[in-house]
């Protein structure tokens, strides 16, 4: 019962990291974590995703490190302190949808993702 009451205090957030890399290219390697949670290493092929969910607290921060085809980048995928909303707000939760493409990392501020904006180059 304590868990249920505790989970109602925080907005739920889901982060997606999706591979939109060429079919015949090397896989995308993903590692995500926060100061408290180690989410492991994941290998993604075209169209596959790694996603995770958590309760947003006043100082929540998650980052991911991506590797692909000799390139790599590390960036925050969620930060409570962002001045503008990087994620889509849907009933009772937020969704952060990140997509890896050959020229960089894109973010959708809607869900399902219909319009993505480039945030980072490899």
PDB file of N, CA and C in Angstrom:
ATOM      1  N   UNK A   1       0.813  -1.193   0.000  1.00  0.00           N
ATOM      2  CA  UNK A   1       0.000   0.000   0.000  1.00  0.00           C
ATOM      3  C   UNK A   1       0.862   1.265   0.000  1.00  0.00           C
ATOM      4  N   UNK A   2       1.989   1.239   0.656  1.00  0.00           N
ATOM      5  CA  UNK A   2       2.870   2.401   0.677  1.00  0.00           C
ATOM      6  C   UNK A   2       3.321   2.742  -0.735  1.00  0.00           C
ATOM      7  N   UNK A   3       3.683   1.739  -1.547  1.00  0.00           N
ATOM      8  CA  UNK A   3       4.121   1.984  -2.918  1.00  0.00           C
ATOM      9  C   UNK A   3       3.027   2.667  -3.723  1.00  0.00           C
ATOM     10  N   UNK A   4       1.796   2.213  -3.606  1.00  0.00           N
ATOM     11  CA  UNK A   4       0.697   2.798  -4.368  1.00  0.00           C
ATOM     12  C   UNK A   4       0.483   4.258  -3.986  1.00  0.00           C
ATOM     13  N   UNK A   5       0.493   4.564  -2.728  1.00  0.00           N
ATOM     14  CA  UNK A   5       0.308   5.948  -2.287  1.00  0.00           C
ATOM     15  C   UNK A   5       1.472   6.811  -2.764  1.00  0.00           C
ATOM     16  N   UNK A   6       2.695   6.284  -2.674  1.00  0.00           N
ATOM     17  CA  UNK A   6       3.881   7.015  -3.097  1.00  0.00           C
ATOM     18  C   UNK A   6       3.838   7.298  -4.593  1.00  0.00           C
ATOM     19  N   UNK A   7       3.424   6.320  -5.415  1.00  0.00           N
ATOM     20  CA  UNK A   7       3.430   6.493  -6.864  1.00  0.00           C
ATOM     21  C   UNK A   7       2.410   7.523  -7.321  1.00  0.00           C
ATOM     22  N   UNK A   8       1.379   7.777  -6.545  1.00  0.00           N
ATOM     23  CA  UNK A   8       0.376   8.764  -6.919  1.00  0.00           C
ATOM     24  C   UNK A   8       0.885  10.193  -6.745  1.00  0.00           C
ATOM     25  N   UNK A   9       1.951  10.378  -5.989  1.00  0.00           N
ATOM     26  CA  UNK A   9       2.480  11.707  -5.740  1.00  0.00           C
ATOM     27  C   UNK A   9       3.304  12.239  -6.906  1.00  0.00           C
ATOM     28  N   UNK A  10       3.767  11.380  -7.781  1.00  0.00           N
ATOM     29  CA  UNK A  10       4.670  11.760  -8.851  1.00  0.00           C
ATOM     30  C   UNK A  10       4.042  11.519 -10.212  1.00  0.00           C
ATOM     31  N   UNK A  11       4.255  12.455 -11.136  1.00  0.00           N
ATOM     32  CA  UNK A  11       3.859  12.242 -12.519  1.00  0.00           C
ATOM     33  C   UNK A  11       4.703  11.112 -13.086  1.00  0.00           C
ATOM     34  N   UNK A  12       4.083  10.199 -13.819  1.00  0.00           N
ATOM     35  CA  UNK A  12       4.821   9.110 -14.458  1.00  0.00           C
ATOM     36  C   UNK A  12       5.444   9.635 -15.744  1.00  0.00           C
ATOM     37  N   UNK A  13       6.649   9.198 -16.027  1.00  0.00           N
ATOM     38  CA  UNK A  13       7.364   9.581 -17.242  1.00  0.00           C
ATOM     39  C   UNK A  13       7.842   8.305 -17.921  1.00  0.00           C
ATOM     40  N   UNK A  14       7.667   8.230 -19.241  1.00  0.00           N
ATOM     41  CA  UNK A  14       8.231   7.143 -20.031  1.00  0.00           C
ATOM     42  C   UNK A  14       9.193   7.745 -21.038  1.00  0.00           C
ATOM     43  N   UNK A  15      10.404   7.202 -21.101  1.00  0.00           N
ATOM     44  CA  UNK A  15      11.414   7.631 -22.063  1.00  0.00           C
ATOM     45  C   UNK A  15      11.592   6.516 -23.085  1.00  0.00           C
ATOM     46  N   UNK A  16      11.531   6.884 -24.358  1.00  0.00           N
ATOM     47  CA  UNK A  16      11.807   5.961 -25.457  1.00  0.00           C
ATOM     48  C   UNK A  16      13.092   6.393 -26.144  1.00  0.00           C
ATOM     49  N   UNK A  17      13.964   5.433 -26.456  1.00  0.00           N
ATOM     50  CA  UNK A  17      15.106   5.647 -27.337  1.00  0.00           C
ATOM     51  C   UNK A  17      14.909   4.667 -28.488  1.00  0.00           C
ATOM     52  N   UNK A  18      14.766   5.203 -29.704  1.00  0.00           N
ATOM     53  CA  UNK A  18      14.373   4.406 -30.863  1.00  0.00           C
ATOM     54  C   UNK A  18      15.456   4.483 -31.934  1.00  0.00           C
ATOM     55  N   UNK A  19      15.735   3.355 -32.578  1.00  0.00           N
ATOM     56  CA  UNK A  19      16.684   3.321 -33.687  1.00  0.00           C
ATOM     57  C   UNK A  19      15.961   3.541 -35.009  1.00  0.00           C
ATOM     58  N   UNK A  20      16.362   4.599 -35.718  1.00  0.00           N
ATOM     59  CA  UNK A  20      15.904   4.837 -37.087  1.00  0.00           C
ATOM     60  C   UNK A  20      17.139   4.922 -37.983  1.00  0.00           C
ATOM     61  N   UNK A  21      18.031   3.967 -37.782  1.00  0.00           N
ATOM     62  CA  UNK A  21      19.282   3.910 -38.526  1.00  0.00           C
ATOM     63  C   UNK A  21      19.121   2.946 -39.700  1.00  0.00           C
ATOM     64  N   UNK A  22      19.971   3.056 -40.716  1.00  0.00           N
ATOM     65  CA  UNK A  22      19.816   2.201 -41.899  1.00  0.00           C
ATOM     66  C   UNK A  22      19.814   0.713 -41.552  1.00  0.00           C
ATOM     67  N   UNK A  23      19.014  -0.022 -42.287  1.00  0.00           N
ATOM     68  CA  UNK A  23      18.823  -1.452 -42.045  1.00  0.00           C
ATOM     69  C   UNK A  23      20.141  -2.243 -42.045  1.00  0.00           C
ATOM     70  N   UNK A  24      21.037  -1.938 -42.962  1.00  0.00           N
ATOM     71  CA  UNK A  24      22.274  -2.712 -43.093  1.00  0.00           C
ATOM     72  C   UNK A  24      23.447  -2.128 -42.311  1.00  0.00           C
ATOM     73  N   UNK A  25      23.180  -1.157 -41.449  1.00  0.00           N
ATOM     74  CA  UNK A  25      24.262  -0.542 -40.684  1.00  0.00           C
ATOM     75  C   UNK A  25      24.478  -1.304 -39.378  1.00  0.00           C
ATOM     76  N   UNK A  26      25.563  -0.983 -38.677  1.00  0.00           N
ATOM     77  CA  UNK A  26      25.765  -1.596 -37.359  1.00  0.00           C
ATOM     78  C   UNK A  26      24.607  -1.249 -36.422  1.00  0.00           C
ATOM     79  N   UNK A  27      24.409  -2.047 -35.365  1.00  0.00           N
ATOM     80  CA  UNK A  27      23.333  -1.746 -34.414  1.00  0.00           C
ATOM     81  C   UNK A  27      23.652  -0.499 -33.587  1.00  0.00           C
ATOM     82  N   UNK A  28      22.627   0.016 -32.952  1.00  0.00           N
ATOM     83  CA  UNK A  28      22.754   1.128 -32.015  1.00  0.00           C
ATOM     84  C   UNK A  28      22.920   0.536 -30.622  1.00  0.00           C
ATOM     85  N   UNK A  29      23.936   0.984 -29.904  1.00  0.00           N
ATOM     86  CA  UNK A  29      24.143   0.547 -28.524  1.00  0.00           C
ATOM     87  C   UNK A  29      23.708   1.682 -27.601  1.00  0.00           C
ATOM     88  N   UNK A  30      22.945   1.332 -26.574  1.00  0.00           N
ATOM     89  CA  UNK A  30      22.342   2.320 -25.677  1.00  0.00           C
ATOM     90  C   UNK A  30      22.626   1.944 -24.229  1.00  0.00           C
ATOM     91  N   UNK A  31      23.036   2.930 -23.453  1.00  0.00           N
ATOM     92  CA  UNK A  31      23.188   2.766 -22.008  1.00  0.00           C
ATOM     93  C   UNK A  31      22.525   3.962 -21.338  1.00  0.00           C
ATOM     94  N   UNK A  32      21.555   3.714 -20.463  1.00  0.00           N
ATOM     95  CA  UNK A  32      20.855   4.793 -19.763  1.00  0.00           C
ATOM     96  C   UNK A  32      20.958   4.580 -18.251  1.00  0.00           C
ATOM     97  N   UNK A  33      20.958   5.691 -17.524  1.00  0.00           N
ATOM     98  CA  UNK A  33      21.077   5.615 -16.067  1.00  0.00           C
ATOM     99  C   UNK A  33      20.667   6.945 -15.447  1.00  0.00           C
ATOM    100  N   UNK A  34      20.533   6.908 -14.134  1.00  0.00           N
ATOM    101  CA  UNK A  34      20.382   8.123 -13.329  1.00  0.00           C
ATOM    102  C   UNK A  34      21.362   7.975 -12.175  1.00  0.00           C
ATOM    103  N   UNK A  35      21.323   8.898 -11.250  1.00  0.00           N
ATOM    104  CA  UNK A  35      22.177   8.766 -10.075  1.00  0.00           C
ATOM    105  C   UNK A  35      21.802   7.576  -9.210  1.00  0.00           C
ATOM    106  N   UNK A  36      20.556   7.113  -9.327  1.00  0.00           N
ATOM    107  CA  UNK A  36      20.048   6.019  -8.500  1.00  0.00           C
ATOM    108  C   UNK A  36      19.786   4.725  -9.255  1.00  0.00           C
ATOM    109  N   UNK A  37      19.603   4.815 -10.572  1.00  0.00           N
ATOM    110  CA  UNK A  37      19.169   3.652 -11.348  1.00  0.00           C
ATOM    111  C   UNK A  37      20.116   3.367 -12.500  1.00  0.00           C
ATOM    112  N   UNK A  38      20.611   2.146 -12.553  1.00  0.00           N
ATOM    113  CA  UNK A  38      21.446   1.658 -13.645  1.00  0.00           C
ATOM    114  C   UNK A  38      20.552   0.802 -14.537  1.00  0.00           C
ATOM    115  N   UNK A  39      20.318   1.235 -15.766  1.00  0.00           N
ATOM    116  CA  UNK A  39      19.359   0.556 -16.636  1.00  0.00           C
ATOM    117  C   UNK A  39      20.007  -0.393 -17.638  1.00  0.00           C
ATOM    118  N   UNK A  40      21.314  -0.535 -17.581  1.00  0.00           N
ATOM    119  CA  UNK A  40      21.992  -1.533 -18.395  1.00  0.00           C
ATOM    120  C   UNK A  40      22.292  -1.077 -19.814  1.00  0.00           C
ATOM    121  N   UNK A  41      22.903  -2.012 -20.562  1.00  0.00           N
ATOM    122  CA  UNK A  41      23.288  -1.787 -21.955  1.00  0.00           C
ATOM    123  C   UNK A  41      22.324  -2.542 -22.848  1.00  0.00           C
ATOM    124  N   UNK A  42      21.952  -1.917 -23.972  1.00  0.00           N
ATOM    125  CA  UNK A  42      20.962  -2.502 -24.875  1.00  0.00           C
ATOM    126  C   UNK A  42      21.437  -2.337 -26.314  1.00  0.00           C
ATOM    127  N   UNK A  43      21.121  -3.316 -27.149  1.00  0.00           N
ATOM    128  CA  UNK A  43      21.476  -3.308 -28.563  1.00  0.00           C
ATOM    129  C   UNK A  43      20.198  -3.216 -29.376  1.00  0.00           C
ATOM    130  N   UNK A  44      20.118  -2.191 -30.245  1.00  0.00           N
ATOM    131  CA  UNK A  44      18.901  -1.954 -31.021  1.00  0.00           C
ATOM    132  C   UNK A  44      19.185  -2.012 -32.512  1.00  0.00           C
ATOM    133  N   UNK A  45      18.304  -2.675 -33.237  1.00  0.00           N
ATOM    134  CA  UNK A  45      18.324  -2.665 -34.700  1.00  0.00           C
ATOM    135  C   UNK A  45      17.240  -1.710 -35.180  1.00  0.00           C
ATOM    136  N   UNK A  46      17.161  -1.499 -36.481  1.00  0.00           N
ATOM    137  CA  UNK A  46      16.181  -0.583 -37.070  1.00  0.00           C
ATOM    138  C   UNK A  46      14.783  -0.839 -36.527  1.00  0.00           C
ATOM    139  N   UNK A  47      14.140   0.214 -36.033  1.00  0.00           N
ATOM    140  CA  UNK A  47      12.767   0.127 -35.553  1.00  0.00           C
ATOM    141  C   UNK A  47      12.619  -0.358 -34.122  1.00  0.00           C
ATOM    142  N   UNK A  48      13.681  -0.861 -33.531  1.00  0.00           N
ATOM    143  CA  UNK A  48      13.596  -1.324 -32.147  1.00  0.00           C
ATOM    144  C   UNK A  48      13.769  -0.147 -31.191  1.00  0.00           C
ATOM    145  N   UNK A  49      13.244  -0.325 -29.973  1.00  0.00           N
ATOM    146  CA  UNK A  49      13.395   0.728 -28.976  1.00  0.00           C
ATOM    147  C   UNK A  49      13.767   0.139 -27.628  1.00  0.00           C
ATOM    148  N   UNK A  50      14.341   0.990 -26.813  1.00  0.00           N
ATOM    149  CA  UNK A  50      14.527   0.722 -25.397  1.00  0.00           C
ATOM    150  C   UNK A  50      13.715   1.791 -24.693  1.00  0.00           C
ATOM    151  N   UNK A  51      12.881   1.393 -23.733  1.00  0.00           N
ATOM    152  CA  UNK A  51      12.089   2.382 -23.006  1.00  0.00           C
ATOM    153  C   UNK A  51      12.045   2.021 -21.527  1.00  0.00           C
ATOM    154  N   UNK A  52      11.838   3.039 -20.721  1.00  0.00           N
ATOM    155  CA  UNK A  52      11.751   2.849 -19.281  1.00  0.00           C
ATOM    156  C   UNK A  52      10.820   3.900 -18.700  1.00  0.00           C
ATOM    157  N   UNK A  53      10.305   3.606 -17.514  1.00  0.00           N
ATOM    158  CA  UNK A  53       9.316   4.466 -16.859  1.00  0.00           C
ATOM    159  C   UNK A  53       9.759   4.750 -15.427  1.00  0.00           C
ATOM    160  N   UNK A  54       9.396   5.930 -14.942  1.00  0.00           N
ATOM    161  CA  UNK A  54       9.751   6.310 -13.574  1.00  0.00           C
ATOM    162  C   UNK A  54       8.796   7.396 -13.096  1.00  0.00           C
ATOM    163  N   UNK A  55       8.825   7.669 -11.808  1.00  0.00           N
ATOM    164  CA  UNK A  55       8.056   8.765 -11.230  1.00  0.00           C
ATOM    165  C   UNK A  55       8.912  10.015 -11.185  1.00  0.00           C
ATOM    166  N   UNK A  56       8.393  11.122 -11.697  1.00  0.00           N
ATOM    167  CA  UNK A  56       9.139  12.380 -11.748  1.00  0.00           C
ATOM    168  C   UNK A  56       9.151  13.029 -10.375  1.00  0.00           C
ATOM    169  N   UNK A  57      10.332  13.230  -9.846  1.00  0.00           N
ATOM    170  CA  UNK A  57      10.507  13.940  -8.592  1.00  0.00           C
ATOM    171  C   UNK A  57      11.061  15.331  -8.859  1.00  0.00           C
ATOM    172  N   UNK A  58      11.308  16.112  -7.814  1.00  0.00           N
ATOM    173  CA  UNK A  58      11.770  17.491  -7.997  1.00  0.00           C
ATOM    174  C   UNK A  58      13.171  17.611  -8.594  1.00  0.00           C
ATOM    175  N   UNK A  59      13.979  16.559  -8.522  1.00  0.00           N
ATOM    176  CA  UNK A  59      15.352  16.621  -9.041  1.00  0.00           C
ATOM    177  C   UNK A  59      15.672  15.458  -9.978  1.00  0.00           C
ATOM    178  N   UNK A  60      14.677  14.849 -10.584  1.00  0.00           N
ATOM    179  CA  UNK A  60      14.903  13.676 -11.424  1.00  0.00           C
ATOM    180  C   UNK A  60      15.747  14.023 -12.648  1.00  0.00           C
ATOM    181  N   UNK A  61      16.743  13.166 -12.926  1.00  0.00           N
ATOM    182  CA  UNK A  61      17.608  13.309 -14.092  1.00  0.00           C
ATOM    183  C   UNK A  61      17.966  11.921 -14.605  1.00  0.00           C
ATOM    184  N   UNK A  62      17.730  11.676 -15.874  1.00  0.00           N
ATOM    185  CA  UNK A  62      18.186  10.464 -16.547  1.00  0.00           C
ATOM    186  C   UNK A  62      18.982  10.877 -17.770  1.00  0.00           C
ATOM    187  N   UNK A  63      20.043  10.137 -18.054  1.00  0.00           N
ATOM    188  CA  UNK A  63      20.850  10.388 -19.244  1.00  0.00           C
ATOM    189  C   UNK A  63      21.036   9.078 -19.993  1.00  0.00           C
ATOM    190  N   UNK A  64      21.379   9.188 -21.261  1.00  0.00           N
ATOM    191  CA  UNK A  64      21.712   8.014 -22.071  1.00  0.00           C
ATOM    192  C   UNK A  64      22.987   8.294 -22.849  1.00  0.00           C
ATOM    193  N   UNK A  65      23.733   7.231 -23.095  1.00  0.00           N
ATOM    194  CA  UNK A  65      24.925   7.268 -23.933  1.00  0.00           C
ATOM    195  C   UNK A  65      24.642   6.334 -25.096  1.00  0.00           C
ATOM    196  N   UNK A  66      24.792   6.827 -26.327  1.00  0.00           N
ATOM    197  CA  UNK A  66      24.519   6.051 -27.529  1.00  0.00           C
ATOM    198  C   UNK A  66      25.794   5.910 -28.341  1.00  0.00           C
ATOM    199  N   UNK A  67      25.991   4.718 -28.914  1.00  0.00           N
ATOM    200  CA  UNK A  67      27.110   4.437 -29.796  1.00  0.00           C
ATOM    201  C   UNK A  67      26.574   3.872 -31.100  1.00  0.00           C
ATOM    202  N   UNK A  68      27.120   4.356 -32.221  1.00  0.00           N
ATOM    203  CA  UNK A  68      26.726   3.815 -33.519  1.00  0.00           C
ATOM    204  C   UNK A  68      27.794   4.127 -34.557  1.00  0.00           C
ATOM    205  N   UNK A  69      28.241   3.100 -35.242  1.00  0.00           N
ATOM    206  CA  UNK A  69      29.109   3.243 -36.413  1.00  0.00           C
ATOM    207  C   UNK A  69      30.331   4.133 -36.140  1.00  0.00           C
ATOM    208  N   UNK A  70      30.984   3.917 -34.999  1.00  0.00           N
ATOM    209  CA  UNK A  70      32.178   4.680 -34.647  1.00  0.00           C
ATOM    210  C   UNK A  70      31.905   6.049 -34.040  1.00  0.00           C
ATOM    211  N   UNK A  71      30.643   6.396 -33.841  1.00  0.00           N
ATOM    212  CA  UNK A  71      30.265   7.681 -33.259  1.00  0.00           C
ATOM    213  C   UNK A  71      29.606   7.432 -31.909  1.00  0.00           C
ATOM    214  N   UNK A  72      29.632   8.433 -31.042  1.00  0.00           N
ATOM    215  CA  UNK A  72      28.923   8.294 -29.771  1.00  0.00           C
ATOM    216  C   UNK A  72      28.521   9.663 -29.247  1.00  0.00           C
ATOM    217  N   UNK A  73      27.506   9.637 -28.402  1.00  0.00           N
ATOM    218  CA  UNK A  73      27.015  10.863 -27.783  1.00  0.00           C
ATOM    219  C   UNK A  73      26.340  10.510 -26.460  1.00  0.00           C
ATOM    220  N   UNK A  74      26.503  11.357 -25.474  1.00  0.00           N
ATOM    221  CA  UNK A  74      25.810  11.215 -24.189  1.00  0.00           C
ATOM    222  C   UNK A  74      25.004  12.492 -23.967  1.00  0.00           C
ATOM    223  N   UNK A  75      23.772  12.352 -23.490  1.00  0.00           N
ATOM    224  CA  UNK A  75      22.910  13.513 -23.298  1.00  0.00           C
ATOM    225  C   UNK A  75      21.818  13.187 -22.291  1.00  0.00           C
ATOM    226  N   UNK A  76      21.240  14.220 -21.708  1.00  0.00           N
ATOM    227  CA  UNK A  76      20.117  14.050 -20.784  1.00  0.00           C
ATOM    228  C   UNK A  76      18.866  13.733 -21.591  1.00  0.00           C
ATOM    229  N   UNK A  77      18.175  12.656 -21.222  1.00  0.00           N
ATOM    230  CA  UNK A  77      16.915  12.307 -21.881  1.00  0.00           C
ATOM    231  C   UNK A  77      15.723  12.801 -21.075  1.00  0.00           C
ATOM    232  N   UNK A  78      15.955  13.093 -19.801  1.00  0.00           N
ATOM    233  CA  UNK A  78      14.917  13.711 -18.972  1.00  0.00           C
ATOM    234  C   UNK A  78      15.576  14.447 -17.818  1.00  0.00           C
ATOM    235  N   UNK A  79      15.075  15.662 -17.569  1.00  0.00           N
ATOM    236  CA  UNK A  79      15.557  16.477 -16.454  1.00  0.00           C
ATOM    237  C   UNK A  79      14.374  17.309 -15.965  1.00  0.00           C
ATOM    238  N   UNK A  80      14.001  17.141 -14.711  1.00  0.00           N
ATOM    239  CA  UNK A  80      12.880  17.907 -14.162  1.00  0.00           C
ATOM    240  C   UNK A  80      13.112  19.407 -14.294  1.00  0.00           C
ATOM    241  N   UNK A  81      14.352  19.845 -14.183  1.00  0.00           N
ATOM    242  CA  UNK A  81      14.656  21.278 -14.159  1.00  0.00           C
ATOM    243  C   UNK A  81      14.684  21.944 -15.536  1.00  0.00           C
ATOM    244  N   UNK A  82      14.396  21.205 -16.619  1.00  0.00           N
ATOM    245  CA  UNK A  82      14.351  21.861 -17.931  1.00  0.00           C
ATOM    246  C   UNK A  82      13.377  23.029 -17.897  1.00  0.00           C
ATOM    247  N   UNK A  83      13.781  24.156 -18.458  1.00  0.00           N
ATOM    248  CA  UNK A  83      12.933  25.357 -18.467  1.00  0.00           C
ATOM    249  C   UNK A  83      11.731  25.186 -19.397  1.00  0.00           C
ATOM    250  N   UNK A  84      11.927  24.469 -20.511  1.00  0.00           N
ATOM    251  CA  UNK A  84      10.824  24.183 -21.431  1.00  0.00           C
ATOM    252  C   UNK A  84      10.582  22.683 -21.441  1.00  0.00           C
ATOM    253  N   UNK A  85       9.381  22.303 -21.751  1.00  0.00           N
ATOM    254  CA  UNK A  85       9.028  20.887 -21.743  1.00  0.00           C
ATOM    255  C   UNK A  85       9.589  20.194 -22.978  1.00  0.00           C
ATOM    256  N   UNK A  86      10.421  19.199 -22.778  1.00  0.00           N
ATOM    257  CA  UNK A  86      10.993  18.419 -23.867  1.00  0.00           C
ATOM    258  C   UNK A  86      10.129  17.207 -24.198  1.00  0.00           C
ATOM    259  N   UNK A  87       9.119  16.956 -23.416  1.00  0.00           N
ATOM    260  CA  UNK A  87       8.351  15.721 -23.540  1.00  0.00           C
ATOM    261  C   UNK A  87       6.893  16.022 -23.857  1.00  0.00           C
ATOM    262  N   UNK A  88       6.218  15.018 -24.388  1.00  0.00           N
ATOM    263  CA  UNK A  88       4.790  15.135 -24.686  1.00  0.00           C
ATOM    264  C   UNK A  88       3.997  14.871 -23.412  1.00  0.00           C
ATOM    265  N   UNK A  89       3.006  15.683 -23.174  1.00  0.00           N
ATOM    266  CA  UNK A  89       2.116  15.461 -22.038  1.00  0.00           C
ATOM    267  C   UNK A  89       0.865  14.755 -22.534  1.00  0.00           C
ATOM    268  N   UNK A  90       0.629  13.584 -22.007  1.00  0.00           N
ATOM    269  CA  UNK A  90      -0.578  12.823 -22.307  1.00  0.00           C
ATOM    270  C   UNK A  90      -1.276  12.593 -20.973  1.00  0.00           C
ATOM    271  N   UNK A  91      -2.529  12.160 -20.976  1.00  0.00           N
ATOM    272  CA  UNK A  91      -3.230  12.017 -19.692  1.00  0.00           C
ATOM    273  C   UNK A  91      -2.419  11.243 -18.643  1.00  0.00           C
ATOM    274  N   UNK A  92      -2.169  11.907 -17.535  1.00  0.00           N
ATOM    275  CA  UNK A  92      -1.534  11.335 -16.346  1.00  0.00           C
ATOM    276  C   UNK A  92      -0.081  10.923 -16.528  1.00  0.00           C
ATOM    277  N   UNK A  93       0.573  11.348 -17.628  1.00  0.00           N
ATOM    278  CA  UNK A  93       1.987  11.016 -17.775  1.00  0.00           C
ATOM    279  C   UNK A  93       2.653  11.911 -18.810  1.00  0.00           C
ATOM    280  N   UNK A  94       3.992  11.826 -18.861  1.00  0.00           N
ATOM    281  CA  UNK A  94       4.787  12.497 -19.880  1.00  0.00           C
ATOM    282  C   UNK A  94       5.544  11.431 -20.652  1.00  0.00           C
ATOM    283  N   UNK A  95       5.756  11.672 -21.952  1.00  0.00           N
ATOM    284  CA  UNK A  95       6.502  10.739 -22.790  1.00  0.00           C
ATOM    285  C   UNK A  95       7.612  11.508 -23.491  1.00  0.00           C
ATOM    286  N   UNK A  96       8.848  11.040 -23.307  1.00  0.00           N
ATOM    287  CA  UNK A  96      10.012  11.620 -23.975  1.00  0.00           C
ATOM    288  C   UNK A  96      10.442  10.634 -25.056  1.00  0.00           C
ATOM    289  N   UNK A  97      10.346  11.041 -26.314  1.00  0.00           N
ATOM    290  CA  UNK A  97      10.575  10.151 -27.451  1.00  0.00           C
ATOM    291  C   UNK A  97      11.801  10.623 -28.218  1.00  0.00           C
ATOM    292  N   UNK A  98      12.905   9.895 -28.051  1.00  0.00           N
ATOM    293  CA  UNK A  98      14.172  10.207 -28.703  1.00  0.00           C
ATOM    294  C   UNK A  98      14.402   9.207 -29.826  1.00  0.00           C
ATOM    295  N   UNK A  99      14.917   9.693 -30.953  1.00  0.00           N
ATOM    296  CA  UNK A  99      15.147   8.819 -32.102  1.00  0.00           C
ATOM    297  C   UNK A  99      16.554   9.062 -32.647  1.00  0.00           C
ATOM    298  N   UNK A 100      17.309   7.968 -32.831  1.00  0.00           N
ATOM    299  CA  UNK A 100      18.652   8.046 -33.403  1.00  0.00           C
ATOM    300  C   UNK A 100      18.561   7.870 -34.913  1.00  0.00           C
ATOM    301  N   UNK A 101      19.141   8.828 -35.645  1.00  0.00           N
ATOM    302  CA  UNK A 101      19.188   8.790 -37.108  1.00  0.00           C
ATOM    303  C   UNK A 101      20.646   8.929 -37.541  1.00  0.00           C
ATOM    304  N   UNK A 102      20.950   8.666 -38.807  1.00  0.00           N
ATOM    305  CA  UNK A 102      22.348   8.744 -39.252  1.00  0.00           C
ATOM    306  C   UNK A 102      23.008  10.104 -39.016  1.00  0.00           C
ATOM    307  N   UNK A 103      22.240  11.196 -39.030  1.00  0.00           N
ATOM    308  CA  UNK A 103      22.831  12.526 -38.862  1.00  0.00           C
ATOM    309  C   UNK A 103      22.728  13.070 -37.441  1.00  0.00           C
ATOM    310  N   UNK A 104      22.095  12.327 -36.522  1.00  0.00           N
ATOM    311  CA  UNK A 104      22.020  12.818 -35.154  1.00  0.00           C
ATOM    312  C   UNK A 104      20.840  12.278 -34.368  1.00  0.00           C
ATOM    313  N   UNK A 105      20.539  12.957 -33.278  1.00  0.00           N
ATOM    314  CA  UNK A 105      19.506  12.531 -32.336  1.00  0.00           C
ATOM    315  C   UNK A 105      18.343  13.517 -32.415  1.00  0.00           C
ATOM    316  N   UNK A 106      17.141  12.972 -32.540  1.00  0.00           N
ATOM    317  CA  UNK A 106      15.932  13.772 -32.710  1.00  0.00           C
ATOM    318  C   UNK A 106      14.998  13.565 -31.520  1.00  0.00           C
ATOM    319  N   UNK A 107      14.137  14.563 -31.284  1.00  0.00           N
ATOM    320  CA  UNK A 107      13.175  14.521 -30.191  1.00  0.00           C
ATOM    321  C   UNK A 107      11.800  14.894 -30.715  1.00  0.00           C
ATOM    322  N   UNK A 108      10.789  14.149 -30.286  1.00  0.00           N
ATOM    323  CA  UNK A 108       9.400  14.489 -30.597  1.00  0.00           C
ATOM    324  C   UNK A 108       8.759  15.074 -29.351  1.00  0.00           C
ATOM    325  N   UNK A 109       8.044  16.166 -29.512  1.00  0.00           N
ATOM    326  CA  UNK A 109       7.330  16.774 -28.389  1.00  0.00           C
ATOM    327  C   UNK A 109       5.855  16.414 -28.422  1.00  0.00           C
ATOM    328  N   UNK A 110       5.525  15.396 -29.239  1.00  0.00           N
ATOM    329  CA  UNK A 110       4.162  14.875 -29.274  1.00  0.00           C
ATOM    330  C   UNK A 110       4.243  13.348 -29.253  1.00  0.00           C
ATOM    331  N   UNK A 111       3.144  12.707 -28.938  1.00  0.00           N
ATOM    332  CA  UNK A 111       3.111  11.248 -28.928  1.00  0.00           C
ATOM    333  C   UNK A 111       1.698  10.788 -29.252  1.00  0.00           C
ATOM    334  N   UNK A 112       1.537   9.890 -30.234  1.00  0.00           N
ATOM    335  CA  UNK A 112       2.602   9.285 -31.032  1.00  0.00           C
ATOM    336  C   UNK A 112       3.398  10.354 -31.793  1.00  0.00           C
ATOM    337  N   UNK A 113       4.675  10.063 -31.991  1.00  0.00           N
ATOM    338  CA  UNK A 113       5.595  11.025 -32.592  1.00  0.00           C
ATOM    339  C   UNK A 113       5.240  11.278 -34.052  1.00  0.00           C
ATOM    340  N   UNK A 114       4.926  12.523 -34.368  1.00  0.00           N
ATOM    341  CA  UNK A 114       4.620  12.888 -35.751  1.00  0.00           C
ATOM    342  C   UNK A 114       5.600  13.920 -36.289  1.00  0.00           C
ATOM    343  N   UNK A 115       6.219  14.678 -35.414  1.00  0.00           N
ATOM    344  CA  UNK A 115       7.148  15.715 -35.833  1.00  0.00           C
ATOM    345  C   UNK A 115       8.366  15.673 -34.921  1.00  0.00           C
ATOM    346  N   UNK A 116       9.510  15.348 -35.502  1.00  0.00           N
ATOM    347  CA  UNK A 116      10.739  15.259 -34.718  1.00  0.00           C
ATOM    348  C   UNK A 116      11.677  16.395 -35.093  1.00  0.00           C
ATOM    349  N   UNK A 117      12.393  16.903 -34.100  1.00  0.00           N
ATOM    350  CA  UNK A 117      13.331  18.003 -34.291  1.00  0.00           C
ATOM    351  C   UNK A 117      14.719  17.535 -33.880  1.00  0.00           C
ATOM    352  N   UNK A 118      15.707  17.840 -34.717  1.00  0.00           N
ATOM    353  CA  UNK A 118      17.078  17.449 -34.406  1.00  0.00           C
ATOM    354  C   UNK A 118      17.574  18.222 -33.187  1.00  0.00           C
ATOM    355  N   UNK A 119      18.102  17.483 -32.214  1.00  0.00           N
ATOM    356  CA  UNK A 119      18.631  18.078 -30.985  1.00  0.00           C
ATOM    357  C   UNK A 119      20.154  18.043 -30.935  1.00  0.00           C
ATOM    358  N   UNK A 120      20.751  16.967 -31.456  1.00  0.00           N
ATOM    359  CA  UNK A 120      22.199  16.774 -31.368  1.00  0.00           C
ATOM    360  C   UNK A 120      22.718  16.124 -32.641  1.00  0.00           C
ATOM    361  N   UNK A 121      23.925  16.509 -33.041  1.00  0.00           N
ATOM    362  CA  UNK A 121      24.650  15.797 -34.090  1.00  0.00           C
ATOM    363  C   UNK A 121      25.542  14.764 -33.423  1.00  0.00           C
ATOM    364  N   UNK A 122      25.879  13.723 -34.157  1.00  0.00           N
ATOM    365  CA  UNK A 122      26.760  12.690 -33.606  1.00  0.00           C
ATOM    366  C   UNK A 122      28.102  13.277 -33.264  1.00  0.00           C
TER     367      UNK A 122
END
